[in-house]
């Protein structure tokens, strides 16, 4: 199965080059493509066969991945992987064998970090639509509602019919994608083979606050879950926002996180762009916090 690995890059080049080198050396990976959302030039130590794609602007996670897929249309499968993921050849081969199965559209390895299980057979909590990792069997694959986009194998035919939704920009696009893939008739499967998350994030945790609130509301609205949308919005307004403001004051950082939550709530309930490209002013969170 001809497989193209895609890394959506932002920030220091060293982690991305390291992952690209490992994937380039794997016989099961036909091509490695990096999408430089930060507009940076090609690192001199990137392996020569690797593609370095610079989009006209920061496309975010889903639209950046879609750009690389359009640039490599002959692939039979794609591996979407973050630059802080370590995945070995055994896991890659095991996931690709599983992906070759009939009606299996997405496969992910079991993701672990220093604390143990990070992402298993994921589900969403029934009321507030919060991600939850359910501990999977250790000896066999199992179906999941969704799997993390931090490391995800996807059949090319699935992407042709069910594209990533780029408007999310950062967060919940993997959940949305898996739900739509399942609705289109394919299975989302978690493999017992493991990958490791090293946690070298390049975006600060507080910067995600805007997208956590906005994108969860967009997701519930797109699914037509009116009651859940109301509950998520009420929880953000009555619990998340006051807590964020209190922590801002306690830690002496102004009202930065509170502002992100507040604007995420407003935008989450406001007008949504059409399916596809992110908003023209993304990253919108940069309006209320530093983006680095």
C-alpha atoms as a PDB file:
ATOM      1  CA  UNK A   1       0.000   0.000   0.000  1.00  0.00           C
ATOM      2  CA  UNK A   2       1.612   3.254  -1.142  1.00  0.00           C
ATOM      3  CA  UNK A   3       1.619   5.434   1.975  1.00  0.00           C
ATOM      4  CA  UNK A   4       2.429   9.129   2.295  1.00  0.00           C
ATOM      5  CA  UNK A   5       3.242  10.430   5.766  1.00  0.00           C
ATOM      6  CA  UNK A   6       2.234  14.042   6.451  1.00  0.00           C
ATOM      7  CA  UNK A   7       3.600  16.226   9.249  1.00  0.00           C
ATOM      8  CA  UNK A   8       1.851  19.555   9.834  1.00  0.00           C
ATOM      9  CA  UNK A   9       4.687  21.735  11.085  1.00  0.00           C
ATOM     10  CA  UNK A  10       4.871  24.812  13.300  1.00  0.00           C
ATOM     11  CA  UNK A  11       7.762  26.140  15.342  1.00  0.00           C
ATOM     12  CA  UNK A  12      11.286  24.757  15.831  1.00  0.00           C
ATOM     13  CA  UNK A  13      12.391  22.534  12.966  1.00  0.00           C
ATOM     14  CA  UNK A  14      14.378  19.977  14.991  1.00  0.00           C
ATOM     15  CA  UNK A  15      11.407  17.818  16.164  1.00  0.00           C
ATOM     16  CA  UNK A  16       9.926  17.804  12.667  1.00  0.00           C
ATOM     17  CA  UNK A  17      13.230  16.851  11.031  1.00  0.00           C
ATOM     18  CA  UNK A  18      13.705  14.060  13.576  1.00  0.00           C
ATOM     19  CA  UNK A  19      10.287  12.524  12.868  1.00  0.00           C
ATOM     20  CA  UNK A  20      10.748  12.989   9.106  1.00  0.00           C
ATOM     21  CA  UNK A  21      14.096  11.166   9.225  1.00  0.00           C
ATOM     22  CA  UNK A  22      12.563   8.231  11.111  1.00  0.00           C
ATOM     23  CA  UNK A  23       9.640   7.962   8.699  1.00  0.00           C
ATOM     24  CA  UNK A  24      11.857   8.339   5.634  1.00  0.00           C
ATOM     25  CA  UNK A  25      13.883   5.353   6.840  1.00  0.00           C
ATOM     26  CA  UNK A  26      10.762   3.164   7.169  1.00  0.00           C
ATOM     27  CA  UNK A  27      10.264   0.868   4.139  1.00  0.00           C
ATOM     28  CA  UNK A  28       6.472   1.039   4.479  1.00  0.00           C
ATOM     29  CA  UNK A  29       6.428   4.819   3.966  1.00  0.00           C
ATOM     30  CA  UNK A  30       6.668   5.840   0.318  1.00  0.00           C
ATOM     31  CA  UNK A  31       6.952   9.591   0.832  1.00  0.00           C
ATOM     32  CA  UNK A  32       7.202  12.091   3.684  1.00  0.00           C
ATOM     33  CA  UNK A  33       5.610  15.514   3.215  1.00  0.00           C
ATOM     34  CA  UNK A  34       5.886  18.421   5.657  1.00  0.00           C
ATOM     35  CA  UNK A  35       3.450  21.344   5.581  1.00  0.00           C
ATOM     36  CA  UNK A  36       5.201  24.395   7.054  1.00  0.00           C
ATOM     37  CA  UNK A  37       2.280  26.381   8.443  1.00  0.00           C
ATOM     38  CA  UNK A  38       4.699  28.867   9.971  1.00  0.00           C
ATOM     39  CA  UNK A  39       6.034  29.789   6.514  1.00  0.00           C
ATOM     40  CA  UNK A  40       9.577  28.735   7.387  1.00  0.00           C
ATOM     41  CA  UNK A  41      12.090  27.663   4.777  1.00  0.00           C
ATOM     42  CA  UNK A  42      13.240  24.101   4.248  1.00  0.00           C
ATOM     43  CA  UNK A  43      15.715  23.011   6.961  1.00  0.00           C
ATOM     44  CA  UNK A  44      19.101  22.106   5.468  1.00  0.00           C
ATOM     45  CA  UNK A  45      19.221  18.819   7.401  1.00  0.00           C
ATOM     46  CA  UNK A  46      15.834  17.544   6.211  1.00  0.00           C
ATOM     47  CA  UNK A  47      16.321  14.327   4.188  1.00  0.00           C
ATOM     48  CA  UNK A  48      16.405  15.151   0.481  1.00  0.00           C
ATOM     49  CA  UNK A  49      13.450  12.930  -0.547  1.00  0.00           C
ATOM     50  CA  UNK A  50      11.114  14.677   1.909  1.00  0.00           C
ATOM     51  CA  UNK A  51       8.761  17.298   0.490  1.00  0.00           C
ATOM     52  CA  UNK A  52       8.619  20.685   2.247  1.00  0.00           C
ATOM     53  CA  UNK A  53       5.390  22.508   1.385  1.00  0.00           C
ATOM     54  CA  UNK A  54       4.870  26.154   2.334  1.00  0.00           C
ATOM     55  CA  UNK A  55       1.205  27.223   2.117  1.00  0.00           C
ATOM     56  CA  UNK A  56       0.258  30.836   1.341  1.00  0.00           C
ATOM     57  CA  UNK A  57      -0.885  31.274   4.956  1.00  0.00           C
ATOM     58  CA  UNK A  58      -1.297  29.297   8.153  1.00  0.00           C
ATOM     59  CA  UNK A  59      -3.926  26.706   7.203  1.00  0.00           C
ATOM     60  CA  UNK A  60      -4.204  25.027  10.581  1.00  0.00           C
ATOM     61  CA  UNK A  61      -4.256  21.287  11.117  1.00  0.00           C
ATOM     62  CA  UNK A  62      -6.970  19.853   8.856  1.00  0.00           C
ATOM     63  CA  UNK A  63      -6.527  22.172   5.864  1.00  0.00           C
ATOM     64  CA  UNK A  64      -2.744  21.812   6.094  1.00  0.00           C
ATOM     65  CA  UNK A  65      -3.100  18.048   5.921  1.00  0.00           C
ATOM     66  CA  UNK A  66      -5.488  18.367   2.974  1.00  0.00           C
ATOM     67  CA  UNK A  67      -2.915  20.496   1.128  1.00  0.00           C
ATOM     68  CA  UNK A  68      -0.300  17.721   1.372  1.00  0.00           C
ATOM     69  CA  UNK A  69      -2.835  15.116   0.240  1.00  0.00           C
ATOM     70  CA  UNK A  70      -3.676  17.178  -2.850  1.00  0.00           C
ATOM     71  CA  UNK A  71       0.053  17.461  -3.568  1.00  0.00           C
ATOM     72  CA  UNK A  72       0.404  13.655  -3.393  1.00  0.00           C
ATOM     73  CA  UNK A  73      -2.808  12.317  -4.976  1.00  0.00           C
ATOM     74  CA  UNK A  74      -1.416   8.912  -5.981  1.00  0.00           C
ATOM     75  CA  UNK A  75      -1.196   7.601  -2.427  1.00  0.00           C
ATOM     76  CA  UNK A  76      -3.336   4.660  -1.349  1.00  0.00           C
ATOM     77  CA  UNK A  77      -3.083   5.647   2.309  1.00  0.00           C
ATOM     78  CA  UNK A  78      -1.947   8.601   4.388  1.00  0.00           C
ATOM     79  CA  UNK A  79      -0.334   8.784   7.790  1.00  0.00           C
ATOM     80  CA  UNK A  80      -1.128  12.016   9.603  1.00  0.00           C
ATOM     81  CA  UNK A  81       1.395  12.431  12.413  1.00  0.00           C
ATOM     82  CA  UNK A  82       2.454  15.178  14.816  1.00  0.00           C
ATOM     83  CA  UNK A  83       6.124  16.035  15.203  1.00  0.00           C
ATOM     84  CA  UNK A  84       6.059  14.969  18.870  1.00  0.00           C
ATOM     85  CA  UNK A  85       5.047  11.379  18.086  1.00  0.00           C
ATOM     86  CA  UNK A  86       7.411   8.419  18.031  1.00  0.00           C
ATOM     87  CA  UNK A  87       6.140   5.495  15.996  1.00  0.00           C
ATOM     88  CA  UNK A  88       8.247   2.483  15.067  1.00  0.00           C
ATOM     89  CA  UNK A  89       8.236   0.274  11.996  1.00  0.00           C
ATOM     90  CA  UNK A  90       6.382  -2.564  13.720  1.00  0.00           C
ATOM     91  CA  UNK A  91       3.499  -0.269  14.640  1.00  0.00           C
ATOM     92  CA  UNK A  92       3.383   1.292  11.168  1.00  0.00           C
ATOM     93  CA  UNK A  93       3.249  -2.131   9.489  1.00  0.00           C
ATOM     94  CA  UNK A  94       0.628  -3.413  11.934  1.00  0.00           C
ATOM     95  CA  UNK A  95      -1.624  -0.397  11.386  1.00  0.00           C
ATOM     96  CA  UNK A  96      -1.304  -0.580   7.602  1.00  0.00           C
ATOM     97  CA  UNK A  97      -2.205  -4.284   7.592  1.00  0.00           C
ATOM     98  CA  UNK A  98      -5.284  -3.459   9.615  1.00  0.00           C
ATOM     99  CA  UNK A  99      -6.187  -0.537   7.344  1.00  0.00           C
ATOM    100  CA  UNK A 100      -6.186  -2.894   4.341  1.00  0.00           C
ATOM    101  CA  UNK A 101      -9.249  -4.626   5.775  1.00  0.00           C
ATOM    102  CA  UNK A 102     -12.621  -4.273   4.077  1.00  0.00           C
ATOM    103  CA  UNK A 103     -14.646  -1.240   5.214  1.00  0.00           C
ATOM    104  CA  UNK A 104     -11.918  -0.022   7.584  1.00  0.00           C
ATOM    105  CA  UNK A 105     -11.360   3.660   6.856  1.00  0.00           C
ATOM    106  CA  UNK A 106      -9.184   4.896   9.727  1.00  0.00           C
ATOM    107  CA  UNK A 107      -6.699   3.135  11.986  1.00  0.00           C
ATOM    108  CA  UNK A 108      -4.744   4.584  14.876  1.00  0.00           C
ATOM    109  CA  UNK A 109      -2.208   3.032  17.228  1.00  0.00           C
ATOM    110  CA  UNK A 110      -2.788   3.149  20.951  1.00  0.00           C
ATOM    111  CA  UNK A 111      -1.085   6.368  22.050  1.00  0.00           C
ATOM    112  CA  UNK A 112       0.826   6.430  25.317  1.00  0.00           C
ATOM    113  CA  UNK A 113       2.928   8.997  27.146  1.00  0.00           C
ATOM    114  CA  UNK A 114       4.927   9.177  30.366  1.00  0.00           C
ATOM    115  CA  UNK A 115       1.735   8.811  32.417  1.00  0.00           C
ATOM    116  CA  UNK A 116       0.493   5.752  30.548  1.00  0.00           C
ATOM    117  CA  UNK A 117      -2.518   5.589  28.219  1.00  0.00           C
ATOM    118  CA  UNK A 118      -3.205   8.941  26.540  1.00  0.00           C
ATOM    119  CA  UNK A 119      -5.601   8.090  23.730  1.00  0.00           C
ATOM    120  CA  UNK A 120      -7.434   4.820  23.504  1.00  0.00           C
ATOM    121  CA  UNK A 121     -10.778   3.892  21.966  1.00  0.00           C
ATOM    122  CA  UNK A 122     -12.046   7.425  22.341  1.00  0.00           C
ATOM    123  CA  UNK A 123     -15.614   8.484  23.062  1.00  0.00           C
ATOM    124  CA  UNK A 124     -17.313  11.749  23.921  1.00  0.00           C
ATOM    125  CA  UNK A 125     -19.064  12.288  27.244  1.00  0.00           C
ATOM    126  CA  UNK A 126     -22.827  12.201  26.689  1.00  0.00           C
ATOM    127  CA  UNK A 127     -23.629  15.638  28.153  1.00  0.00           C
ATOM    128  CA  UNK A 128     -20.721  18.065  27.697  1.00  0.00           C
ATOM    129  CA  UNK A 129     -19.138  16.329  24.672  1.00  0.00           C
ATOM    130  CA  UNK A 130     -15.743  16.093  26.352  1.00  0.00           C
ATOM    131  CA  UNK A 131     -13.162  13.644  24.938  1.00  0.00           C
ATOM    132  CA  UNK A 132     -12.683  10.473  26.958  1.00  0.00           C
ATOM    133  CA  UNK A 133     -10.174   7.678  26.358  1.00  0.00           C
ATOM    134  CA  UNK A 134     -11.591   4.212  27.035  1.00  0.00           C
ATOM    135  CA  UNK A 135      -8.955   1.592  27.827  1.00  0.00           C
ATOM    136  CA  UNK A 136      -8.821  -0.779  24.837  1.00  0.00           C
ATOM    137  CA  UNK A 137      -8.009  -4.501  24.759  1.00  0.00           C
ATOM    138  CA  UNK A 138      -4.247  -5.031  24.729  1.00  0.00           C
ATOM    139  CA  UNK A 139      -4.276  -8.013  22.387  1.00  0.00           C
ATOM    140  CA  UNK A 140      -6.708  -7.153  19.585  1.00  0.00           C
ATOM    141  CA  UNK A 141      -8.066  -4.225  17.575  1.00  0.00           C
ATOM    142  CA  UNK A 142     -11.322  -2.577  18.586  1.00  0.00           C
ATOM    143  CA  UNK A 143     -13.696  -0.051  17.067  1.00  0.00           C
ATOM    144  CA  UNK A 144     -13.807   3.505  18.364  1.00  0.00           C
ATOM    145  CA  UNK A 145     -16.100   6.490  17.957  1.00  0.00           C
ATOM    146  CA  UNK A 146     -13.006   8.508  17.061  1.00  0.00           C
ATOM    147  CA  UNK A 147      -9.221   8.416  17.331  1.00  0.00           C
ATOM    148  CA  UNK A 148      -6.764  11.250  17.767  1.00  0.00           C
ATOM    149  CA  UNK A 149      -5.377  13.029  14.723  1.00  0.00           C
ATOM    150  CA  UNK A 150      -1.982  13.137  16.443  1.00  0.00           C
ATOM    151  CA  UNK A 151      -1.283   9.834  14.674  1.00  0.00           C
ATOM    152  CA  UNK A 152      -3.838   8.465  12.246  1.00  0.00           C
ATOM    153  CA  UNK A 153      -3.727   6.168   9.184  1.00  0.00           C
ATOM    154  CA  UNK A 154      -6.392   6.935   6.565  1.00  0.00           C
ATOM    155  CA  UNK A 155      -7.354   5.215   3.326  1.00  0.00           C
ATOM    156  CA  UNK A 156      -7.033   7.588   0.381  1.00  0.00           C
ATOM    157  CA  UNK A 157     -10.499   6.646  -0.869  1.00  0.00           C
ATOM    158  CA  UNK A 158     -11.933   7.790   2.453  1.00  0.00           C
ATOM    159  CA  UNK A 159     -10.329  11.228   2.124  1.00  0.00           C
ATOM    160  CA  UNK A 160     -11.598  11.603  -1.420  1.00  0.00           C
ATOM    161  CA  UNK A 161     -15.153  11.114  -0.209  1.00  0.00           C
ATOM    162  CA  UNK A 162     -14.951  12.568   3.300  1.00  0.00           C
ATOM    163  CA  UNK A 163     -12.434  15.436   3.485  1.00  0.00           C
ATOM    164  CA  UNK A 164     -11.081  16.975   6.660  1.00  0.00           C
ATOM    165  CA  UNK A 165     -12.974  20.103   7.682  1.00  0.00           C
ATOM    166  CA  UNK A 166     -10.369  22.877   7.655  1.00  0.00           C
ATOM    167  CA  UNK A 167     -12.545  25.505   9.301  1.00  0.00           C
ATOM    168  CA  UNK A 168     -11.847  24.077  12.769  1.00  0.00           C
ATOM    169  CA  UNK A 169      -8.213  25.177  12.317  1.00  0.00           C
ATOM    170  CA  UNK A 170      -7.003  23.593  15.571  1.00  0.00           C
ATOM    171  CA  UNK A 171      -8.892  21.002  17.572  1.00  0.00           C
ATOM    172  CA  UNK A 172     -11.960  18.770  17.121  1.00  0.00           C
ATOM    173  CA  UNK A 173     -11.333  18.303  13.386  1.00  0.00           C
ATOM    174  CA  UNK A 174     -10.219  14.733  14.127  1.00  0.00           C
ATOM    175  CA  UNK A 175     -13.413  14.043  16.103  1.00  0.00           C
ATOM    176  CA  UNK A 176     -15.576  15.549  13.361  1.00  0.00           C
ATOM    177  CA  UNK A 177     -13.703  13.633  10.649  1.00  0.00           C
ATOM    178  CA  UNK A 178     -14.083  10.268  12.387  1.00  0.00           C
ATOM    179  CA  UNK A 179     -17.793  10.815  12.984  1.00  0.00           C
ATOM    180  CA  UNK A 180     -18.389  11.652   9.323  1.00  0.00           C
ATOM    181  CA  UNK A 181     -16.280   8.697   8.163  1.00  0.00           C
ATOM    182  CA  UNK A 182     -18.350   6.339  10.306  1.00  0.00           C
ATOM    183  CA  UNK A 183     -21.569   7.842   8.972  1.00  0.00           C
ATOM    184  CA  UNK A 184     -20.277   7.208   5.433  1.00  0.00           C
ATOM    185  CA  UNK A 185     -20.017   3.489   6.210  1.00  0.00           C
ATOM    186  CA  UNK A 186     -16.384   2.947   7.222  1.00  0.00           C
ATOM    187  CA  UNK A 187     -15.088   1.725  10.570  1.00  0.00           C
ATOM    188  CA  UNK A 188     -12.690   3.642  12.811  1.00  0.00           C
ATOM    189  CA  UNK A 189     -10.363   1.149  14.479  1.00  0.00           C
ATOM    190  CA  UNK A 190      -7.793   1.323  17.258  1.00  0.00           C
ATOM    191  CA  UNK A 191      -4.800  -1.001  16.961  1.00  0.00           C
ATOM    192  CA  UNK A 192      -3.104  -2.541  20.011  1.00  0.00           C
ATOM    193  CA  UNK A 193       0.238  -1.507  18.490  1.00  0.00           C
ATOM    194  CA  UNK A 194       1.617   1.510  20.322  1.00  0.00           C
ATOM    195  CA  UNK A 195       2.990   4.942  19.508  1.00  0.00           C
ATOM    196  CA  UNK A 196       4.558   7.358  22.008  1.00  0.00           C
ATOM    197  CA  UNK A 197       3.735  10.997  22.611  1.00  0.00           C
ATOM    198  CA  UNK A 198       6.758  12.960  23.809  1.00  0.00           C
ATOM    199  CA  UNK A 199       4.729  16.108  24.539  1.00  0.00           C
ATOM    200  CA  UNK A 200       6.966  18.709  22.923  1.00  0.00           C
ATOM    201  CA  UNK A 201       4.102  21.095  22.109  1.00  0.00           C
ATOM    202  CA  UNK A 202       4.945  24.328  20.293  1.00  0.00           C
ATOM    203  CA  UNK A 203       1.677  26.142  21.143  1.00  0.00           C
ATOM    204  CA  UNK A 204       1.114  27.141  24.764  1.00  0.00           C
ATOM    205  CA  UNK A 205      -1.699  25.419  26.629  1.00  0.00           C
ATOM    206  CA  UNK A 206      -3.538  28.691  27.276  1.00  0.00           C
ATOM    207  CA  UNK A 207      -3.580  29.437  23.538  1.00  0.00           C
ATOM    208  CA  UNK A 208      -5.804  26.399  23.013  1.00  0.00           C
ATOM    209  CA  UNK A 209      -8.529  27.771  25.311  1.00  0.00           C
ATOM    210  CA  UNK A 210     -10.236  29.670  22.505  1.00  0.00           C
ATOM    211  CA  UNK A 211     -10.374  26.650  20.188  1.00  0.00           C
ATOM    212  CA  UNK A 212     -11.453  24.203  22.879  1.00  0.00           C
ATOM    213  CA  UNK A 213     -14.584  26.282  23.501  1.00  0.00           C
ATOM    214  CA  UNK A 214     -15.323  27.445  19.949  1.00  0.00           C
ATOM    215  CA  UNK A 215     -14.734  24.172  18.157  1.00  0.00           C
ATOM    216  CA  UNK A 216     -16.709  22.052  20.611  1.00  0.00           C
ATOM    217  CA  UNK A 217     -19.680  24.362  20.043  1.00  0.00           C
ATOM    218  CA  UNK A 218     -19.203  24.226  16.270  1.00  0.00           C
ATOM    219  CA  UNK A 219     -19.083  20.428  16.432  1.00  0.00           C
ATOM    220  CA  UNK A 220     -22.320  20.095  18.424  1.00  0.00           C
ATOM    221  CA  UNK A 221     -24.073  22.607  16.180  1.00  0.00           C
ATOM    222  CA  UNK A 222     -22.951  20.853  12.988  1.00  0.00           C
ATOM    223  CA  UNK A 223     -24.322  17.595  14.364  1.00  0.00           C
ATOM    224  CA  UNK A 224     -27.667  19.194  15.164  1.00  0.00           C
ATOM    225  CA  UNK A 225     -27.304  18.514  18.898  1.00  0.00           C
ATOM    226  CA  UNK A 226     -29.261  21.523  20.146  1.00  0.00           C
ATOM    227  CA  UNK A 227     -29.568  20.453  23.763  1.00  0.00           C
ATOM    228  CA  UNK A 228     -25.894  19.548  23.999  1.00  0.00           C
ATOM    229  CA  UNK A 229     -24.948  22.856  22.376  1.00  0.00           C
ATOM    230  CA  UNK A 230     -26.941  24.694  25.031  1.00  0.00           C
ATOM    231  CA  UNK A 231     -25.319  22.665  27.817  1.00  0.00           C
ATOM    232  CA  UNK A 232     -21.786  23.164  26.457  1.00  0.00           C
ATOM    233  CA  UNK A 233     -22.385  26.908  26.123  1.00  0.00           C
ATOM    234  CA  UNK A 234     -23.868  27.145  29.621  1.00  0.00           C
ATOM    235  CA  UNK A 235     -20.946  25.206  31.086  1.00  0.00           C
ATOM    236  CA  UNK A 236     -18.429  27.473  29.338  1.00  0.00           C
ATOM    237  CA  UNK A 237     -20.191  30.606  30.568  1.00  0.00           C
ATOM    238  CA  UNK A 238     -20.941  29.488  34.135  1.00  0.00           C
ATOM    239  CA  UNK A 239     -17.927  27.301  34.932  1.00  0.00           C
ATOM    240  CA  UNK A 240     -15.026  27.540  32.473  1.00  0.00           C
ATOM    241  CA  UNK A 241     -15.009  31.324  32.079  1.00  0.00           C
ATOM    242  CA  UNK A 242     -15.123  32.223  35.806  1.00  0.00           C
ATOM    243  CA  UNK A 243     -12.488  29.589  36.582  1.00  0.00           C
ATOM    244  CA  UNK A 244     -10.205  30.909  33.824  1.00  0.00           C
ATOM    245  CA  UNK A 245     -10.574  34.486  35.035  1.00  0.00           C
ATOM    246  CA  UNK A 246      -9.839  33.457  38.620  1.00  0.00           C
ATOM    247  CA  UNK A 247      -6.712  31.537  37.587  1.00  0.00           C
ATOM    248  CA  UNK A 248      -5.576  34.481  35.448  1.00  0.00           C
ATOM    249  CA  UNK A 249      -5.758  36.803  38.458  1.00  0.00           C
ATOM    250  CA  UNK A 250      -4.219  34.265  40.812  1.00  0.00           C
ATOM    251  CA  UNK A 251      -1.249  33.677  38.507  1.00  0.00           C
ATOM    252  CA  UNK A 252      -0.809  37.342  37.614  1.00  0.00           C
ATOM    253  CA  UNK A 253      -1.221  36.952  33.871  1.00  0.00           C
ATOM    254  CA  UNK A 254      -3.888  39.585  33.310  1.00  0.00           C
ATOM    255  CA  UNK A 255      -7.076  38.175  31.834  1.00  0.00           C
ATOM    256  CA  UNK A 256      -5.543  36.374  28.859  1.00  0.00           C
ATOM    257  CA  UNK A 257      -7.114  32.922  29.220  1.00  0.00           C
ATOM    258  CA  UNK A 258     -10.441  34.367  30.284  1.00  0.00           C
ATOM    259  CA  UNK A 259     -10.497  36.494  27.131  1.00  0.00           C
ATOM    260  CA  UNK A 260      -9.799  33.430  24.995  1.00  0.00           C
ATOM    261  CA  UNK A 261     -12.642  31.488  26.604  1.00  0.00           C
ATOM    262  CA  UNK A 262     -15.020  34.456  26.278  1.00  0.00           C
ATOM    263  CA  UNK A 263     -14.285  35.002  22.593  1.00  0.00           C
ATOM    264  CA  UNK A 264     -14.376  31.260  21.929  1.00  0.00           C
ATOM    265  CA  UNK A 265     -17.894  31.239  23.387  1.00  0.00           C
ATOM    266  CA  UNK A 266     -18.994  34.182  21.251  1.00  0.00           C
ATOM    267  CA  UNK A 267     -17.537  32.758  18.045  1.00  0.00           C
ATOM    268  CA  UNK A 268     -18.800  29.289  18.857  1.00  0.00           C
ATOM    269  CA  UNK A 269     -22.354  30.600  18.938  1.00  0.00           C
ATOM    270  CA  UNK A 270     -21.875  33.009  16.018  1.00  0.00           C
ATOM    271  CA  UNK A 271     -21.911  32.392  12.293  1.00  0.00           C
ATOM    272  CA  UNK A 272     -19.835  29.470  11.014  1.00  0.00           C
ATOM    273  CA  UNK A 273     -17.806  29.511   7.789  1.00  0.00           C
ATOM    274  CA  UNK A 274     -18.595  26.909   5.120  1.00  0.00           C
ATOM    275  CA  UNK A 275     -16.903  23.527   5.041  1.00  0.00           C
ATOM    276  CA  UNK A 276     -13.278  23.654   3.929  1.00  0.00           C
ATOM    277  CA  UNK A 277     -10.760  26.441   4.457  1.00  0.00           C
ATOM    278  CA  UNK A 278     -10.201  28.153   7.813  1.00  0.00           C
ATOM    279  CA  UNK A 279     -11.287  31.724   8.434  1.00  0.00           C
ATOM    280  CA  UNK A 280      -9.153  34.343   6.710  1.00  0.00           C
ATOM    281  CA  UNK A 281      -7.969  35.803  10.028  1.00  0.00           C
ATOM    282  CA  UNK A 282      -6.776  32.545  11.616  1.00  0.00           C
ATOM    283  CA  UNK A 283      -5.240  32.040  14.049  1.00  0.00           C
ATOM    284  CA  UNK A 284      -7.993  34.119  15.651  1.00  0.00           C
ATOM    285  CA  UNK A 285      -6.628  33.332  19.112  1.00  0.00           C
ATOM    286  CA  UNK A 286      -3.640  35.550  18.264  1.00  0.00           C
ATOM    287  CA  UNK A 287      -5.943  38.542  18.728  1.00  0.00           C
ATOM    288  CA  UNK A 288      -6.035  37.946  22.475  1.00  0.00           C
ATOM    289  CA  UNK A 289      -2.783  36.134  23.219  1.00  0.00           C
ATOM    290  CA  UNK A 290       0.727  35.664  21.870  1.00  0.00           C
ATOM    291  CA  UNK A 291       0.879  32.862  19.263  1.00  0.00           C
ATOM    292  CA  UNK A 292       4.173  31.046  19.550  1.00  0.00           C
END
